[in-house]
Amino acid sequence: QVQLVESGGGLVQAGGSLRLSCVGSGIIFSINTVGWYRQGAQGQRDLVATVTSSGRTNYGDFVKGRFTISTDNTKNTVYLQMSSLRPEDTAVYYCYAQKRGTNYWGKGTLVTVSS
């Protein structure tokens, strides 16, 4: 059974930084695609960043160099380092993993950016 558990969300002022973490069980991150999506007040879940087993990264257009995805294979953890945060980055951030064609999601962690 695949489980993804996020942590690191919270309240931060505009211009600040946060690092999100996601620990996986029942899945080996290094041989699968993992990453982050977010869902804001509009209700749409948008791609933030993913990384494939070959290390190829993909970022949402709105990231524009502000966020960095990384993994620690020894801890089976994926991180999202976010900087230069804006109020419009306020959302629930979900950890994502794809294993054998099936998508898995964490429960999400709330990030609130105050102006």
Protein backbone atom coordinates (compact mmCIF):
# COMPACT_ATOMS: atom_id res chain seq x y z
CA GLN A 1 0.00 0.00 0.00
CA VAL A 2 1.42 3.35 -1.06
CA GLN A 3 1.31 6.14 1.49
CA LEU A 4 2.58 9.67 1.09
CA VAL A 5 2.89 11.95 4.11
CA GLU A 6 3.59 15.64 3.69
CA SER A 7 4.98 18.09 6.21
CA GLY A 8 6.40 21.58 6.31
CA GLY A 9 3.42 23.73 5.47
CA GLY A 10 2.50 26.80 7.46
CA LEU A 11 2.11 30.55 7.47
CA VAL A 12 4.81 32.69 5.91
CA GLN A 13 5.07 36.30 4.86
CA ALA A 14 5.35 37.29 1.24
CA GLY A 15 8.94 37.02 0.09
CA GLY A 16 9.68 34.27 2.58
CA SER A 17 10.65 30.65 2.14
CA LEU A 18 9.35 27.23 3.12
CA ARG A 19 10.49 23.69 2.53
CA LEU A 20 7.93 20.94 2.12
CA SER A 21 8.78 17.30 2.67
CA CYS A 22 7.01 14.13 1.63
CA VAL A 23 7.94 10.69 2.91
CA GLY A 24 6.77 7.69 0.95
CA SER A 25 6.09 4.12 1.97
CA GLY A 26 5.13 1.23 -0.26
CA ILE A 27 6.91 2.92 -3.15
CA ILE A 28 10.52 3.58 -4.07
CA PHE A 29 10.83 7.20 -5.10
CA SER A 30 14.05 6.73 -7.03
CA ILE A 31 12.44 4.49 -9.65
CA ASN A 32 9.18 6.36 -10.04
CA THR A 33 7.94 9.84 -10.86
CA VAL A 34 7.21 11.92 -7.77
CA GLY A 35 6.43 15.52 -7.11
CA TRP A 36 4.04 18.18 -5.97
CA TYR A 37 0.72 19.65 -7.03
CA ARG A 38 -1.29 22.39 -5.39
CA GLN A 39 -4.94 23.30 -5.07
CA GLY A 40 -5.93 26.85 -4.35
CA ALA A 41 -9.24 28.53 -3.63
CA GLN A 42 -10.31 28.11 -7.26
CA GLY A 43 -10.35 24.36 -6.71
CA GLN A 44 -8.12 23.36 -9.61
CA ARG A 45 -5.16 21.13 -8.85
CA ASP A 46 -2.10 22.43 -10.66
CA LEU A 47 1.31 20.96 -11.31
CA VAL A 48 4.02 22.50 -9.16
CA ALA A 49 6.97 20.23 -9.87
CA THR A 50 7.77 16.62 -10.66
CA VAL A 51 10.95 14.61 -11.03
CA THR A 52 11.29 11.37 -12.94
CA SER A 53 13.41 8.33 -12.15
CA SER A 54 16.01 9.67 -14.59
CA GLY A 55 16.16 12.99 -12.77
CA ARG A 56 14.25 15.02 -15.31
CA THR A 57 12.30 17.81 -13.65
CA ASN A 58 9.17 19.61 -14.78
CA TYR A 59 7.84 22.78 -13.21
CA GLY A 60 4.60 24.67 -13.47
CA ASP A 61 4.86 27.90 -15.44
CA PHE A 62 4.12 29.99 -12.37
CA VAL A 63 7.18 28.67 -10.53
CA LYS A 64 9.59 30.75 -12.64
CA GLY A 65 12.72 29.69 -10.82
CA ARG A 66 11.35 30.24 -7.33
CA PHE A 67 10.89 26.58 -6.35
CA THR A 68 13.23 23.62 -6.47
CA ILE A 69 12.30 19.94 -6.25
CA SER A 70 14.76 17.42 -4.92
CA THR A 71 14.84 13.91 -3.52
CA ASP A 72 16.77 12.04 -0.87
CA ASN A 73 16.72 8.42 -1.90
CA THR A 74 18.19 7.26 1.40
CA LYS A 75 15.12 8.68 3.14
CA ASN A 76 12.64 8.01 0.33
CA THR A 77 11.69 11.66 0.60
CA VAL A 78 10.89 14.35 -1.91
CA TYR A 79 11.30 18.01 -1.05
CA LEU A 80 9.99 21.24 -2.43
CA GLN A 81 12.06 24.27 -1.55
CA MET A 82 9.99 27.38 -2.09
CA SER A 83 11.34 30.91 -2.02
CA SER A 84 10.10 34.37 -2.95
CA LEU A 85 6.63 33.23 -1.94
CA ARG A 86 3.64 35.28 -3.01
CA PRO A 87 0.11 35.48 -1.62
CA GLU A 88 -1.10 33.70 -4.77
CA ASP A 89 1.01 30.70 -3.76
CA THR A 90 -1.45 30.09 -0.93
CA ALA A 91 -2.83 26.60 -1.44
CA VAL A 92 -2.90 23.06 -0.20
CA TYR A 93 0.18 21.33 -1.52
CA TYR A 94 -0.14 17.65 -2.34
CA CYS A 95 2.60 15.11 -2.68
CA TYR A 96 2.24 12.99 -5.81
CA ALA A 97 3.71 9.72 -6.98
CA GLN A 98 3.10 7.53 -9.96
CA LYS A 99 3.77 3.82 -9.71
CA ARG A 100 3.01 1.40 -12.54
CA GLY A 101 0.62 3.85 -14.13
CA THR A 102 -1.34 4.55 -10.94
CA ASN A 103 -1.35 7.99 -9.34
CA TYR A 104 -1.08 8.36 -5.59
CA TRP A 105 -1.68 11.43 -3.47
CA GLY A 106 -0.89 12.56 0.04
CA LYS A 107 -3.46 14.30 2.19
CA GLY A 108 -1.91 17.68 1.61
CA THR A 109 -0.25 20.40 3.63
CA LEU A 110 -1.52 23.97 3.75
CA VAL A 111 0.73 26.83 2.79
CA THR A 112 -0.54 30.31 3.55
CA VAL A 113 1.37 33.35 2.34
CA SER A 114 0.40 36.65 3.93
CA SER A 115 0.88 39.99 2.20
